[in-house]
Protein backbone atom coordinates (compact mmCIF):
# COMPACT_ATOMS: atom_id res chain seq x y z
CA MET A 1 65.50 -203.64 -17.33
CA GLY A 2 68.68 -203.45 -19.38
CA ILE A 3 68.10 -206.94 -20.76
CA ASN A 4 70.20 -208.67 -23.38
CA VAL A 5 67.44 -210.69 -25.02
CA SER A 6 69.93 -212.67 -27.06
CA ALA A 7 71.62 -214.07 -23.94
CA PRO A 8 71.33 -217.86 -23.66
CA PHE A 9 69.11 -219.60 -21.14
CA ASN A 10 71.63 -221.03 -18.68
CA THR A 11 69.54 -223.31 -16.48
CA GLN A 12 70.58 -226.92 -17.13
CA LEU A 13 69.15 -228.77 -14.13
CA PRO A 14 65.43 -229.64 -14.19
CA ALA A 15 63.35 -226.80 -12.77
CA ASP A 16 59.73 -227.08 -11.69
CA LEU A 17 57.73 -223.89 -12.30
CA VAL A 18 54.45 -223.84 -10.37
CA LEU A 19 51.81 -221.47 -11.73
CA LEU A 20 49.11 -220.39 -9.28
CA SER A 21 46.38 -219.16 -11.59
CA GLY A 22 42.88 -219.84 -12.78
CA ASN A 23 43.67 -218.31 -16.17
CA GLU A 24 43.94 -221.07 -18.78
CA LEU A 25 45.15 -218.66 -21.46
CA LEU A 26 48.01 -217.56 -19.22
CA ALA A 27 48.96 -221.18 -18.59
CA GLN A 28 48.95 -221.85 -22.34
CA LEU A 29 51.11 -218.78 -22.94
CA PHE A 30 53.72 -219.87 -20.39
CA HIS A 31 53.72 -223.41 -21.79
CA HIS A 32 54.47 -221.86 -25.18
CA TYR A 33 57.23 -219.71 -23.67
CA ILE A 34 59.11 -222.71 -22.24
CA GLU A 35 58.37 -225.35 -24.89
CA GLN A 36 61.91 -225.11 -26.28
CA GLN A 37 63.53 -225.25 -22.84
CA PRO A 38 63.78 -228.94 -21.86
CA ALA A 39 65.09 -228.07 -18.39
CA LEU A 40 61.82 -226.33 -17.51
CA ALA A 41 58.51 -227.92 -16.59
CA LEU A 42 55.34 -225.96 -15.83
CA ARG A 43 52.47 -227.22 -13.74
CA ILE A 44 49.36 -225.65 -12.28
CA GLY A 45 49.38 -226.00 -8.51
CA GLY A 46 48.22 -224.63 -5.19
CA ALA A 47 50.16 -222.86 -2.47
CA GLN A 48 48.95 -225.42 0.09
CA GLU A 49 50.91 -228.21 -1.58
CA SER A 50 53.58 -229.79 0.59
CA SER A 51 56.01 -230.05 -2.31
CA ARG A 52 58.44 -227.27 -3.08
CA GLY A 53 58.65 -225.63 -6.45
CA SER A 54 61.83 -224.38 -8.09
CA LEU A 55 59.91 -221.17 -8.80
CA TRP A 56 56.37 -220.13 -7.85
CA LEU A 57 54.53 -217.90 -10.33
CA LEU A 58 51.58 -216.12 -8.72
CA ASP A 59 48.86 -214.63 -10.89
CA VAL A 60 47.32 -212.16 -8.43
CA GLN A 61 44.50 -211.43 -10.89
CA SER A 62 43.12 -214.91 -10.16
CA PHE A 63 42.60 -214.22 -6.45
CA ALA A 64 40.46 -211.86 -4.39
CA ASP A 65 42.23 -209.28 -2.23
CA ASP A 66 41.19 -211.02 0.99
CA GLU A 67 42.72 -214.29 -0.24
CA LEU A 68 46.19 -212.88 -0.82
CA PRO A 69 47.48 -212.61 2.80
CA ARG A 70 46.91 -216.32 3.46
CA LEU A 71 48.26 -217.20 0.03
CA PHE A 72 51.48 -215.28 0.64
CA ALA A 73 51.78 -216.86 4.08
CA ASP A 74 51.55 -220.32 2.48
CA LEU A 75 54.22 -219.42 -0.10
CA ASN A 76 56.74 -217.88 2.28
CA GLY A 77 59.79 -220.13 2.52
CA LYS A 78 58.76 -222.56 -0.23
CA GLY A 79 61.13 -221.15 -2.82
CA PRO A 80 61.45 -218.06 -4.98
CA VAL A 81 58.16 -216.31 -5.76
CA ALA A 82 57.38 -214.08 -8.73
CA LEU A 83 54.23 -212.13 -9.51
CA VAL A 84 52.93 -212.57 -13.04
CA ASN A 85 50.24 -210.91 -15.16
CA VAL A 86 50.36 -207.68 -13.13
CA THR A 87 50.92 -203.98 -13.73
CA GLN A 88 53.70 -202.13 -11.96
CA GLU A 89 51.07 -200.25 -9.94
CA GLN A 90 49.56 -203.53 -8.73
CA ALA A 91 52.94 -205.06 -7.92
CA GLU A 92 54.42 -202.15 -5.98
CA PRO A 93 52.36 -202.41 -2.75
CA LEU A 94 52.71 -206.20 -2.73
CA VAL A 95 56.50 -206.09 -3.06
CA GLU A 96 56.62 -203.52 -0.27
CA GLN A 97 54.40 -205.60 1.98
CA TYR A 98 56.07 -208.92 1.15
CA PRO A 99 59.73 -208.01 0.52
CA TRP A 100 60.70 -211.65 0.00
CA ILE A 101 58.94 -211.57 -3.39
CA ASN A 102 61.79 -212.16 -5.83
CA GLY A 103 60.36 -211.21 -9.19
CA VAL A 104 57.68 -209.38 -11.14
CA PHE A 105 56.60 -210.15 -14.70
CA VAL A 106 54.22 -207.49 -16.00
CA SER A 107 51.30 -208.43 -18.23
CA SER A 108 53.09 -207.34 -21.41
CA CYS A 109 56.28 -209.30 -20.68
CA PRO A 110 57.55 -210.92 -23.92
CA ARG A 111 59.00 -214.43 -24.13
CA GLU A 112 62.67 -213.37 -24.14
CA GLN A 113 62.30 -211.28 -20.99
CA PHE A 114 60.28 -213.99 -19.27
CA LEU A 115 62.95 -216.63 -19.92
CA ARG A 116 65.78 -214.33 -18.89
CA GLY A 117 63.89 -213.45 -15.71
CA VAL A 118 63.17 -217.10 -14.89
CA ASP A 119 66.84 -217.91 -15.43
CA THR A 120 67.89 -215.09 -13.11
CA LEU A 121 65.44 -216.18 -10.40
CA LEU A 122 66.49 -219.83 -10.60
CA HIS A 123 70.09 -218.72 -10.07
CA GLY A 124 69.19 -216.85 -6.88
CA GLY A 125 68.76 -213.36 -8.31
CA ASP A 126 65.86 -210.91 -8.35
CA TRP A 127 63.88 -209.72 -11.36
CA LEU A 128 61.96 -206.46 -11.05
CA PRO A 129 60.91 -203.91 -13.68
CA ARG A 130 63.21 -200.91 -13.77
CA GLY A 131 60.44 -198.47 -12.86
CA LEU A 132 59.49 -200.52 -9.80
CA THR A 133 63.12 -200.84 -8.72
CA GLU A 134 63.62 -197.08 -8.97
CA GLN A 135 60.42 -196.41 -7.00
CA LEU A 136 61.46 -198.80 -4.22
CA LEU A 137 64.92 -197.22 -4.04
CA ARG A 138 63.39 -193.74 -3.71
CA GLN A 139 61.19 -194.93 -0.87
CA LEU A 140 64.11 -196.69 0.81
CA ARG A 141 66.13 -193.47 0.74
CA ARG A 142 63.19 -191.59 2.24
CA LEU A 143 62.85 -194.12 5.04
CA HIS A 144 66.50 -193.66 5.99
CA GLN A 145 66.31 -189.88 6.12
CA PRO A 146 66.05 -188.45 9.66
CA ALA A 147 62.50 -187.46 10.51
CA GLU A 148 62.18 -183.71 10.99
CA ILE A 149 58.79 -183.81 12.70
CA LYS A 150 56.90 -186.08 15.01
CA VAL A 151 53.36 -187.07 14.20
CA ARG A 152 50.59 -187.50 16.73
CA LEU A 153 48.20 -190.29 15.87
CA THR A 154 45.01 -191.25 17.63
CA SER A 155 44.69 -194.68 19.22
CA ARG A 156 42.24 -195.60 16.45
CA GLU A 157 44.74 -194.60 13.75
CA ARG A 158 47.46 -196.70 15.35
CA GLU A 159 45.04 -199.60 15.64
CA ILE A 160 44.32 -199.36 11.92
CA LEU A 161 48.04 -199.19 11.11
CA GLU A 162 48.66 -202.37 13.09
CA LEU A 163 46.07 -204.16 10.94
CA VAL A 164 47.53 -202.63 7.78
CA ARG A 165 50.94 -204.02 8.73
CA LYS A 166 49.38 -207.48 9.04
CA GLY A 167 48.26 -207.23 5.42
CA LEU A 168 44.52 -206.80 5.95
CA PRO A 169 42.59 -204.93 3.23
CA ASN A 170 40.22 -202.10 4.17
CA SER A 171 37.18 -204.40 4.06
CA GLN A 172 38.62 -206.76 6.69
CA ILE A 173 39.86 -203.89 8.85
CA ALA A 174 36.35 -202.44 8.79
CA GLU A 175 34.85 -205.77 9.81
CA HIS A 176 37.43 -206.26 12.58
CA LEU A 177 36.79 -202.80 14.05
CA CYS A 178 33.02 -202.79 13.40
CA LEU A 179 33.31 -199.72 11.18
CA SER A 180 32.28 -199.04 7.60
CA PRO A 181 34.81 -199.48 4.76
CA HIS A 182 34.28 -195.80 3.92
CA THR A 183 35.34 -194.80 7.45
CA ILE A 184 38.47 -196.95 7.21
CA LYS A 185 39.30 -195.47 3.82
CA SER A 186 38.97 -191.98 5.31
CA HIS A 187 41.24 -192.90 8.25
CA VAL A 188 43.87 -194.32 5.89
CA HIS A 189 43.75 -191.19 3.73
CA ASN A 190 44.31 -189.00 6.80
CA LEU A 191 47.14 -191.26 7.96
CA LEU A 192 48.99 -190.93 4.67
CA ARG A 193 48.66 -187.15 4.84
CA LYS A 194 49.86 -186.96 8.45
CA VAL A 195 52.82 -189.27 7.99
CA GLY A 196 53.80 -188.03 4.55
CA ALA A 197 53.67 -191.54 3.08
CA THR A 198 52.68 -192.48 -0.45
CA ASN A 199 50.95 -195.76 0.44
CA ARG A 200 49.66 -197.88 3.33
CA GLY A 201 52.73 -200.08 3.65
CA GLU A 202 55.10 -197.13 3.86
CA ALA A 203 52.92 -195.45 6.51
CA ALA A 204 52.91 -198.59 8.66
CA PHE A 205 56.69 -198.91 8.38
CA LEU A 206 57.35 -195.26 9.20
CA VAL A 207 55.18 -195.24 12.31
CA LEU A 208 55.35 -198.80 13.61
CA GLY A 209 58.78 -199.64 12.24
CA GLY A 210 60.49 -196.89 14.20
CA GLY A 211 60.63 -194.00 11.76
CA LEU A 212 58.15 -191.60 13.34
CA ALA A 213 57.05 -193.29 16.54
């Protein structure tokens, strides 16, 4: 990330960090991280709370895949949101699907990087791992390249893409269309091959967002 770990923590005003997690060890770790920062307070909360947090920290490991769309919908507009306790591979599709996510703290994030990232987010910036930033930039460049071919998708494939764009996992798409999860997985695999996309979110954007319609 190009981080100067010796840089001071600049946040002076009180900041309320809300951790959405069922992991007590993670909560203890973050309490330890901020114990010498009097401006920061950490509490365990829920996305349905009416109050706003200065920064929402979402531990996606604590939630099932089918819970995440509603959780992200509840968080949208409540303040900056950062994913915590994730790998870059887990974070990438979520950041693509919910581009208003402001930060990502991977599972191995040390205290100095965590505090610097929190400081950046509280000052209106973004905090993403370098590898994830580079991957997103590569995909952004691809999306802005003129399409050389047109793809022909079946009505079923377009129907699946519409549900993908809404954030539904394969299991819910299968239930919605009265098909098996294996059939949906096969359709998605064929879609990625046809469109030339690397993941579900990119395929939905290319086809339904105007790239290859």
